[in-house]
Amino acid sequence: MYTSASMIGQEHLYLSLSPFTVISFFVPDMHDSMLPYLDSKKKETLPKGHVFYNTGDTTKNIFYLNKGIAMETIMNENGLEKDFLIVPPYPLGFHYCAHEQPIFPCTKTYTECEVYRFTYDEFLSMMQENKQLLKSILKLISLDFRLANSPGMQNYSLSSYEKVCQTILSYFIGAKYDPYMKKLKLTQELTARLTGVHRVSAVRAIQKLKADKIIAYEKNKLRLLDYEKLCNIAYEKYPIK
């Protein structure tokens, strides 16, 4: 039984954040490493819905996400769109530049975002001259690789209810550590998109969680009433409890 988020441990915490790429509290020194390079770059403020990369694009540009939330959309095993939210600090497009292949997901702004644009060659030079930035990027890559291969991503055997529980748990854990997550409003529509299920399935799961007094909505704000029960449902099929 869980008694606190700290019992999950960093690796399990990252697993629980599968719908969210919350790098900021895993790579806290990335922003400090980037600061010397931001002064020479033009700050770009992009509106909500701005598309960075479309499926099928190739790119040599990296957008360093300094403020705001971005979203990546991919197709899941059912053909539905599955979304991932990305919060600062994060070099959007670094992976796309590195693998030099057509981009599979679509990446856009979920909120208004402040970004700085770099070419891939510029970023490689920065990594060569700044060992701390290099370490931060390597850590980011390893965390993203861990996420992409974790059961949190490959949860095909779970029911829609269990998947929704994982998404809601991810939100509450992320909000505890990250200010952008804390301000995020987790709507039923967003819950469905982050989970990769139909909205009807998400609504039913939320209704059951409310009926079982695990979550509640007060003035349109989601509240967690029973953390242990939510953890037990979300991780029932995983040997990490």
C-alpha atoms as a PDB file:
ATOM      1  CA  MET A   1       0.000   0.000   0.000  1.00  0.00           C
ATOM      2  CA  TYR A   2       1.234   3.493  -0.804  1.00  0.00           C
ATOM      3  CA  THR A   3       1.341   6.061   1.960  1.00  0.00           C
ATOM      4  CA  SER A   4       3.117   8.862   0.117  1.00  0.00           C
ATOM      5  CA  ALA A   5       4.391   9.774  -3.342  1.00  0.00           C
ATOM      6  CA  SER A   6       7.974   9.455  -2.127  1.00  0.00           C
ATOM      7  CA  MET A   7       7.507   5.708  -1.709  1.00  0.00           C
ATOM      8  CA  ILE A   8       7.178   5.323  -5.460  1.00  0.00           C
ATOM      9  CA  GLY A   9      10.825   6.231  -6.048  1.00  0.00           C
ATOM     10  CA  GLN A  10      12.179   8.257  -8.968  1.00  0.00           C
ATOM     11  CA  GLU A  11      11.999   5.475 -11.557  1.00  0.00           C
ATOM     12  CA  HIS A  12       8.465   4.525 -10.604  1.00  0.00           C
ATOM     13  CA  LEU A  13       7.555   8.192 -10.403  1.00  0.00           C
ATOM     14  CA  TYR A  14       8.649   8.588 -14.005  1.00  0.00           C
ATOM     15  CA  LEU A  15       6.629   5.516 -14.957  1.00  0.00           C
ATOM     16  CA  SER A  16       3.571   7.068 -13.363  1.00  0.00           C
ATOM     17  CA  LEU A  17       4.029  10.213 -15.458  1.00  0.00           C
ATOM     18  CA  SER A  18       3.578   8.388 -18.768  1.00  0.00           C
ATOM     19  CA  PRO A  19       1.086  10.901 -20.262  1.00  0.00           C
ATOM     20  CA  PHE A  20       3.340  13.819 -19.256  1.00  0.00           C
ATOM     21  CA  THR A  21       6.950  14.517 -20.168  1.00  0.00           C
ATOM     22  CA  VAL A  22       7.837  16.312 -16.944  1.00  0.00           C
ATOM     23  CA  ILE A  23      11.590  16.771 -17.300  1.00  0.00           C
ATOM     24  CA  SER A  24      11.920  19.858 -15.103  1.00  0.00           C
ATOM     25  CA  PHE A  25      12.267  18.062 -11.769  1.00  0.00           C
ATOM     26  CA  PHE A  26      14.423  15.255 -13.214  1.00  0.00           C
ATOM     27  CA  VAL A  27      16.856  17.553 -15.057  1.00  0.00           C
ATOM     28  CA  PRO A  28      16.696  20.704 -12.899  1.00  0.00           C
ATOM     29  CA  ASP A  29      20.082  21.994 -14.049  1.00  0.00           C
ATOM     30  CA  MET A  30      19.218  22.059 -17.762  1.00  0.00           C
ATOM     31  CA  HIS A  31      17.827  25.584 -17.597  1.00  0.00           C
ATOM     32  CA  ASP A  32      20.936  26.900 -15.813  1.00  0.00           C
ATOM     33  CA  SER A  33      23.073  25.277 -18.517  1.00  0.00           C
ATOM     34  CA  MET A  34      21.003  26.945 -21.238  1.00  0.00           C
ATOM     35  CA  LEU A  35      20.981  30.473 -19.779  1.00  0.00           C
ATOM     36  CA  PRO A  36      24.308  31.623 -21.332  1.00  0.00           C
ATOM     37  CA  TYR A  37      22.953  30.832 -24.805  1.00  0.00           C
ATOM     38  CA  LEU A  38      19.547  32.491 -24.500  1.00  0.00           C
ATOM     39  CA  ASP A  39      20.817  36.096 -24.421  1.00  0.00           C
ATOM     40  CA  SER A  40      22.056  35.867 -27.994  1.00  0.00           C
ATOM     41  CA  LYS A  41      18.797  34.401 -29.270  1.00  0.00           C
ATOM     42  CA  LYS A  42      15.496  36.069 -30.078  1.00  0.00           C
ATOM     43  CA  LYS A  43      12.681  35.093 -27.724  1.00  0.00           C
ATOM     44  CA  GLU A  44       9.620  33.836 -29.605  1.00  0.00           C
ATOM     45  CA  THR A  45       6.159  33.895 -28.023  1.00  0.00           C
ATOM     46  CA  LEU A  46       3.890  31.419 -29.787  1.00  0.00           C
ATOM     47  CA  PRO A  47       0.092  31.274 -29.415  1.00  0.00           C
ATOM     48  CA  LYS A  48      -1.858  28.224 -28.302  1.00  0.00           C
ATOM     49  CA  GLY A  49      -2.253  25.771 -31.177  1.00  0.00           C
ATOM     50  CA  HIS A  50       0.930  26.757 -33.029  1.00  0.00           C
ATOM     51  CA  VAL A  51       2.350  23.720 -34.857  1.00  0.00           C
ATOM     52  CA  PHE A  52       6.092  23.105 -34.475  1.00  0.00           C
ATOM     53  CA  TYR A  53       6.281  19.898 -36.493  1.00  0.00           C
ATOM     54  CA  ASN A  54       3.753  17.942 -38.533  1.00  0.00           C
ATOM     55  CA  THR A  55       3.767  14.202 -39.112  1.00  0.00           C
ATOM     56  CA  GLY A  56       6.044  13.456 -42.055  1.00  0.00           C
ATOM     57  CA  ASP A  57       8.213  16.559 -41.596  1.00  0.00           C
ATOM     58  CA  THR A  58      11.974  16.498 -41.220  1.00  0.00           C
ATOM     59  CA  THR A  59      13.781  19.236 -39.343  1.00  0.00           C
ATOM     60  CA  LYS A  60      17.128  20.680 -38.329  1.00  0.00           C
ATOM     61  CA  ASN A  61      15.612  23.132 -35.842  1.00  0.00           C
ATOM     62  CA  ILE A  62      15.275  22.782 -32.078  1.00  0.00           C
ATOM     63  CA  PHE A  63      12.864  24.914 -30.062  1.00  0.00           C
ATOM     64  CA  TYR A  64      14.001  25.289 -26.463  1.00  0.00           C
ATOM     65  CA  LEU A  65      10.791  25.420 -24.417  1.00  0.00           C
ATOM     66  CA  ASN A  66      11.332  28.045 -21.725  1.00  0.00           C
ATOM     67  CA  LYS A  67       7.740  28.752 -20.657  1.00  0.00           C
ATOM     68  CA  GLY A  68       4.339  27.206 -21.338  1.00  0.00           C
ATOM     69  CA  ILE A  69       3.186  23.685 -22.195  1.00  0.00           C
ATOM     70  CA  ALA A  70       3.608  21.850 -25.505  1.00  0.00           C
ATOM     71  CA  MET A  71       1.750  18.771 -26.720  1.00  0.00           C
ATOM     72  CA  GLU A  72       2.759  15.809 -28.869  1.00  0.00           C
ATOM     73  CA  THR A  73       0.087  13.723 -30.561  1.00  0.00           C
ATOM     74  CA  ILE A  74       0.625  10.170 -31.790  1.00  0.00           C
ATOM     75  CA  MET A  75      -1.653   7.287 -32.735  1.00  0.00           C
ATOM     76  CA  ASN A  76      -2.089   4.475 -30.238  1.00  0.00           C
ATOM     77  CA  GLU A  77      -2.878   0.794 -30.805  1.00  0.00           C
ATOM     78  CA  ASN A  78      -6.571   1.552 -31.344  1.00  0.00           C
ATOM     79  CA  GLY A  79      -5.920   4.242 -33.902  1.00  0.00           C
ATOM     80  CA  LEU A  80      -6.988   6.958 -31.473  1.00  0.00           C
ATOM     81  CA  GLU A  81      -4.950  10.063 -30.898  1.00  0.00           C
ATOM     82  CA  LYS A  82      -2.858   9.880 -27.736  1.00  0.00           C
ATOM     83  CA  ASP A  83      -1.406  13.101 -26.408  1.00  0.00           C
ATOM     84  CA  PHE A  84       1.619  13.846 -24.250  1.00  0.00           C
ATOM     85  CA  LEU A  85       2.153  17.150 -22.477  1.00  0.00           C
ATOM     86  CA  ILE A  86       5.667  18.612 -22.327  1.00  0.00           C
ATOM     87  CA  VAL A  87       6.713  21.206 -19.757  1.00  0.00           C
ATOM     88  CA  PRO A  88       9.914  23.298 -19.488  1.00  0.00           C
ATOM     89  CA  PRO A  89      12.801  22.992 -19.683  1.00  0.00           C
ATOM     90  CA  TYR A  90      12.750  20.892 -22.853  1.00  0.00           C
ATOM     91  CA  PRO A  91      14.523  21.033 -26.259  1.00  0.00           C
ATOM     92  CA  LEU A  92      11.616  20.312 -28.603  1.00  0.00           C
ATOM     93  CA  GLY A  93      12.797  18.600 -31.763  1.00  0.00           C
ATOM     94  CA  PHE A  94      16.157  17.404 -30.453  1.00  0.00           C
ATOM     95  CA  HIS A  95      15.208  13.766 -30.991  1.00  0.00           C
ATOM     96  CA  TYR A  96      13.829  14.502 -34.466  1.00  0.00           C
ATOM     97  CA  CYS A  97      17.058  16.212 -35.510  1.00  0.00           C
ATOM     98  CA  ALA A  98      19.151  13.387 -34.097  1.00  0.00           C
ATOM     99  CA  HIS A  99      17.401  10.479 -35.808  1.00  0.00           C
ATOM    100  CA  GLU A 100      17.152  12.304 -39.191  1.00  0.00           C
ATOM    101  CA  GLN A 101      13.945  10.506 -40.120  1.00  0.00           C
ATOM    102  CA  PRO A 102      10.424  11.769 -40.914  1.00  0.00           C
ATOM    103  CA  ILE A 103       8.641  12.865 -37.751  1.00  0.00           C
ATOM    104  CA  PHE A 104       5.865  10.538 -36.603  1.00  0.00           C
ATOM    105  CA  PRO A 105       4.018  12.658 -34.011  1.00  0.00           C
ATOM    106  CA  CYS A 106       2.648  16.168 -34.419  1.00  0.00           C
ATOM    107  CA  THR A 107       4.057  18.726 -31.960  1.00  0.00           C
ATOM    108  CA  LYS A 108       2.221  21.946 -31.121  1.00  0.00           C
ATOM    109  CA  THR A 109       1.698  24.436 -28.303  1.00  0.00           C
ATOM    110  CA  TYR A 110      -0.970  23.529 -25.751  1.00  0.00           C
ATOM    111  CA  THR A 111      -0.732  26.930 -24.070  1.00  0.00           C
ATOM    112  CA  GLU A 112       1.033  30.113 -25.101  1.00  0.00           C
ATOM    113  CA  CYS A 113       4.733  29.232 -25.132  1.00  0.00           C
ATOM    114  CA  GLU A 114       8.024  31.080 -24.921  1.00  0.00           C
ATOM    115  CA  VAL A 115      10.713  29.378 -26.998  1.00  0.00           C
ATOM    116  CA  TYR A 116      14.209  29.978 -28.358  1.00  0.00           C
ATOM    117  CA  ARG A 117      15.195  28.548 -31.731  1.00  0.00           C
ATOM    118  CA  PHE A 118      18.505  26.747 -32.344  1.00  0.00           C
ATOM    119  CA  THR A 119      19.819  24.722 -35.245  1.00  0.00           C
ATOM    120  CA  TYR A 120      20.879  21.176 -34.482  1.00  0.00           C
ATOM    121  CA  ASP A 121      24.512  22.040 -35.293  1.00  0.00           C
ATOM    122  CA  GLU A 122      24.373  24.964 -32.844  1.00  0.00           C
ATOM    123  CA  PHE A 123      23.039  22.689 -30.155  1.00  0.00           C
ATOM    124  CA  LEU A 124      25.745  20.085 -30.764  1.00  0.00           C
ATOM    125  CA  SER A 125      28.424  22.781 -30.434  1.00  0.00           C
ATOM    126  CA  MET A 126      26.853  23.980 -27.188  1.00  0.00           C
ATOM    127  CA  MET A 127      26.901  20.429 -25.833  1.00  0.00           C
ATOM    128  CA  GLN A 128      30.561  20.046 -26.781  1.00  0.00           C
ATOM    129  CA  GLU A 129      31.620  23.199 -24.947  1.00  0.00           C
ATOM    130  CA  ASN A 130      29.279  22.813 -21.962  1.00  0.00           C
ATOM    131  CA  LYS A 131      29.698  19.511 -20.148  1.00  0.00           C
ATOM    132  CA  GLN A 132      26.777  20.177 -17.802  1.00  0.00           C
ATOM    133  CA  LEU A 133      24.435  20.758 -20.750  1.00  0.00           C
ATOM    134  CA  LEU A 134      25.723  17.557 -22.335  1.00  0.00           C
ATOM    135  CA  LYS A 135      24.953  15.645 -19.134  1.00  0.00           C
ATOM    136  CA  SER A 136      21.473  17.172 -18.992  1.00  0.00           C
ATOM    137  CA  ILE A 137      20.701  16.184 -22.583  1.00  0.00           C
ATOM    138  CA  LEU A 138      22.003  12.652 -22.066  1.00  0.00           C
ATOM    139  CA  LYS A 139      19.834  12.346 -18.978  1.00  0.00           C
ATOM    140  CA  LEU A 140      16.838  13.636 -20.911  1.00  0.00           C
ATOM    141  CA  ILE A 141      17.423  11.087 -23.676  1.00  0.00           C
ATOM    142  CA  SER A 142      17.736   8.249 -21.183  1.00  0.00           C
ATOM    143  CA  LEU A 143      14.563   9.319 -19.379  1.00  0.00           C
ATOM    144  CA  ASP A 144      12.614   9.564 -22.630  1.00  0.00           C
ATOM    145  CA  PHE A 145      13.935   6.159 -23.708  1.00  0.00           C
ATOM    146  CA  ARG A 146      12.854   4.725 -20.360  1.00  0.00           C
ATOM    147  CA  LEU A 147       9.432   6.283 -20.786  1.00  0.00           C
ATOM    148  CA  ALA A 148       9.008   5.018 -24.348  1.00  0.00           C
ATOM    149  CA  ASN A 149       9.748   1.460 -23.276  1.00  0.00           C
ATOM    150  CA  SER A 150       7.960   1.452 -19.939  1.00  0.00           C
ATOM    151  CA  PRO A 151       4.769  -0.451 -19.151  1.00  0.00           C
ATOM    152  CA  GLY A 152       3.209   2.974 -18.744  1.00  0.00           C
ATOM    153  CA  MET A 153       3.423   3.336 -22.530  1.00  0.00           C
ATOM    154  CA  GLN A 154       2.801  -0.316 -23.360  1.00  0.00           C
ATOM    155  CA  ASN A 155      -0.292  -0.766 -21.187  1.00  0.00           C
ATOM    156  CA  TYR A 156      -2.367  -2.501 -23.851  1.00  0.00           C
ATOM    157  CA  SER A 157      -3.676  -5.119 -21.406  1.00  0.00           C
ATOM    158  CA  LEU A 158      -5.165  -2.562 -19.027  1.00  0.00           C
ATOM    159  CA  SER A 159      -8.799  -1.577 -19.046  1.00  0.00           C
ATOM    160  CA  SER A 160      -9.827   1.975 -19.930  1.00  0.00           C
ATOM    161  CA  TYR A 161     -10.655   2.497 -16.251  1.00  0.00           C
ATOM    162  CA  GLU A 162      -7.145   1.524 -15.152  1.00  0.00           C
ATOM    163  CA  LYS A 163      -5.582   3.706 -17.847  1.00  0.00           C
ATOM    164  CA  VAL A 164      -7.646   6.710 -16.761  1.00  0.00           C
ATOM    165  CA  CYS A 165      -6.551   6.084 -13.165  1.00  0.00           C
ATOM    166  CA  GLN A 166      -2.915   6.172 -14.296  1.00  0.00           C
ATOM    167  CA  THR A 167      -3.479   9.464 -16.099  1.00  0.00           C
ATOM    168  CA  ILE A 168      -5.184  11.089 -13.109  1.00  0.00           C
ATOM    169  CA  LEU A 169      -2.472   9.804 -10.770  1.00  0.00           C
ATOM    170  CA  SER A 170       0.155  11.203 -13.148  1.00  0.00           C
ATOM    171  CA  TYR A 171      -1.542  14.573 -13.002  1.00  0.00           C
ATOM    172  CA  PHE A 172      -1.589  14.742  -9.204  1.00  0.00           C
ATOM    173  CA  ILE A 173       2.029  13.610  -8.840  1.00  0.00           C
ATOM    174  CA  GLY A 174       3.176  16.007 -11.560  1.00  0.00           C
ATOM    175  CA  ALA A 175       1.240  18.907 -10.016  1.00  0.00           C
ATOM    176  CA  LYS A 176       3.005  18.283  -6.716  1.00  0.00           C
ATOM    177  CA  TYR A 177       6.402  18.899  -8.297  1.00  0.00           C
ATOM    178  CA  ASP A 178       5.868  21.107 -11.342  1.00  0.00           C
ATOM    179  CA  PRO A 179       4.270  24.591 -11.370  1.00  0.00           C
ATOM    180  CA  TYR A 180       3.029  24.220 -14.946  1.00  0.00           C
ATOM    181  CA  MET A 181       1.256  20.990 -14.082  1.00  0.00           C
ATOM    182  CA  LYS A 182      -0.244  22.580 -10.995  1.00  0.00           C
ATOM    183  CA  LYS A 183      -1.910  25.279 -13.118  1.00  0.00           C
ATOM    184  CA  LEU A 184      -3.168  22.787 -15.698  1.00  0.00           C
ATOM    185  CA  LYS A 185      -6.910  22.067 -15.727  1.00  0.00           C
ATOM    186  CA  LEU A 186      -7.425  18.331 -16.260  1.00  0.00           C
ATOM    187  CA  THR A 187     -10.728  18.260 -18.147  1.00  0.00           C
ATOM    188  CA  GLN A 188     -12.570  15.107 -19.191  1.00  0.00           C
ATOM    189  CA  GLU A 189     -11.579  15.755 -22.814  1.00  0.00           C
ATOM    190  CA  LEU A 190      -7.901  16.177 -21.915  1.00  0.00           C
ATOM    191  CA  THR A 191      -8.031  13.076 -19.698  1.00  0.00           C
ATOM    192  CA  ALA A 192      -9.355  11.060 -22.638  1.00  0.00           C
ATOM    193  CA  ARG A 193      -6.694  12.384 -25.023  1.00  0.00           C
ATOM    194  CA  LEU A 194      -3.828  11.805 -22.591  1.00  0.00           C
ATOM    195  CA  THR A 195      -5.098   8.299 -21.885  1.00  0.00           C
ATOM    196  CA  GLY A 196      -5.758   7.415 -25.526  1.00  0.00           C
ATOM    197  CA  VAL A 197      -9.351   6.279 -24.961  1.00  0.00           C
ATOM    198  CA  HIS A 198     -12.735   7.494 -26.159  1.00  0.00           C
ATOM    199  CA  ARG A 199     -14.177  10.382 -24.185  1.00  0.00           C
ATOM    200  CA  VAL A 200     -17.170   8.221 -23.197  1.00  0.00           C
ATOM    201  CA  SER A 201     -14.786   5.735 -21.549  1.00  0.00           C
ATOM    202  CA  ALA A 202     -13.009   8.547 -19.717  1.00  0.00           C
ATOM    203  CA  VAL A 203     -16.305  10.022 -18.489  1.00  0.00           C
ATOM    204  CA  ARG A 204     -17.459   6.629 -17.188  1.00  0.00           C
ATOM    205  CA  ALA A 205     -14.151   6.077 -15.400  1.00  0.00           C
ATOM    206  CA  ILE A 206     -14.322   9.522 -13.794  1.00  0.00           C
ATOM    207  CA  GLN A 207     -17.920   8.913 -12.705  1.00  0.00           C
ATOM    208  CA  LYS A 208     -16.884   5.627 -11.066  1.00  0.00           C
ATOM    209  CA  LEU A 209     -13.968   7.293  -9.282  1.00  0.00           C
ATOM    210  CA  LYS A 210     -16.339   9.974  -7.987  1.00  0.00           C
ATOM    211  CA  ALA A 211     -18.911   7.387  -6.881  1.00  0.00           C
ATOM    212  CA  ASP A 212     -16.197   5.443  -5.040  1.00  0.00           C
ATOM    213  CA  LYS A 213     -15.086   8.685  -3.339  1.00  0.00           C
ATOM    214  CA  ILE A 214     -11.587   8.513  -4.795  1.00  0.00           C
ATOM    215  CA  ILE A 215     -11.803  11.899  -6.531  1.00  0.00           C
ATOM    216  CA  ALA A 216     -14.188  14.844  -6.391  1.00  0.00           C
ATOM    217  CA  TYR A 217     -14.889  18.028  -8.312  1.00  0.00           C
ATOM    218  CA  GLU A 218     -15.382  21.214  -6.336  1.00  0.00           C
ATOM    219  CA  LYS A 219     -16.024  24.409  -8.328  1.00  0.00           C
ATOM    220  CA  ASN A 220     -14.734  22.581 -11.426  1.00  0.00           C
ATOM    221  CA  LYS A 221     -11.470  21.776  -9.624  1.00  0.00           C
ATOM    222  CA  LEU A 222     -10.365  18.157  -9.394  1.00  0.00           C
ATOM    223  CA  ARG A 223      -9.529  16.943  -5.875  1.00  0.00           C
ATOM    224  CA  LEU A 224      -7.898  13.683  -4.840  1.00  0.00           C
ATOM    225  CA  LEU A 225      -9.700  12.112  -1.879  1.00  0.00           C
ATOM    226  CA  ASP A 226      -8.046   8.690  -1.608  1.00  0.00           C
ATOM    227  CA  TYR A 227      -4.470   8.513  -2.881  1.00  0.00           C
ATOM    228  CA  GLU A 228      -3.893   4.909  -1.806  1.00  0.00           C
ATOM    229  CA  LYS A 229      -6.945   3.585  -3.629  1.00  0.00           C
ATOM    230  CA  LEU A 230      -6.006   5.430  -6.809  1.00  0.00           C
ATOM    231  CA  CYS A 231      -2.459   4.017  -6.661  1.00  0.00           C
ATOM    232  CA  ASN A 232      -3.725   0.508  -6.063  1.00  0.00           C
ATOM    233  CA  ILE A 233      -6.014   0.658  -9.103  1.00  0.00           C
ATOM    234  CA  ALA A 234      -3.426   2.322 -11.341  1.00  0.00           C
ATOM    235  CA  TYR A 235      -0.685  -0.170 -10.450  1.00  0.00           C
ATOM    236  CA  GLU A 236      -2.723  -3.289  -9.725  1.00  0.00           C
ATOM    237  CA  LYS A 237      -1.072  -5.224 -12.565  1.00  0.00           C
ATOM    238  CA  TYR A 238       2.460  -3.966 -11.931  1.00  0.00           C
ATOM    239  CA  PRO A 239       4.871  -5.618  -9.451  1.00  0.00           C
ATOM    240  CA  ILE A 240       6.073  -2.310  -7.966  1.00  0.00           C
ATOM    241  CA  LYS A 241       3.711  -1.883  -5.005  1.00  0.00           C
END
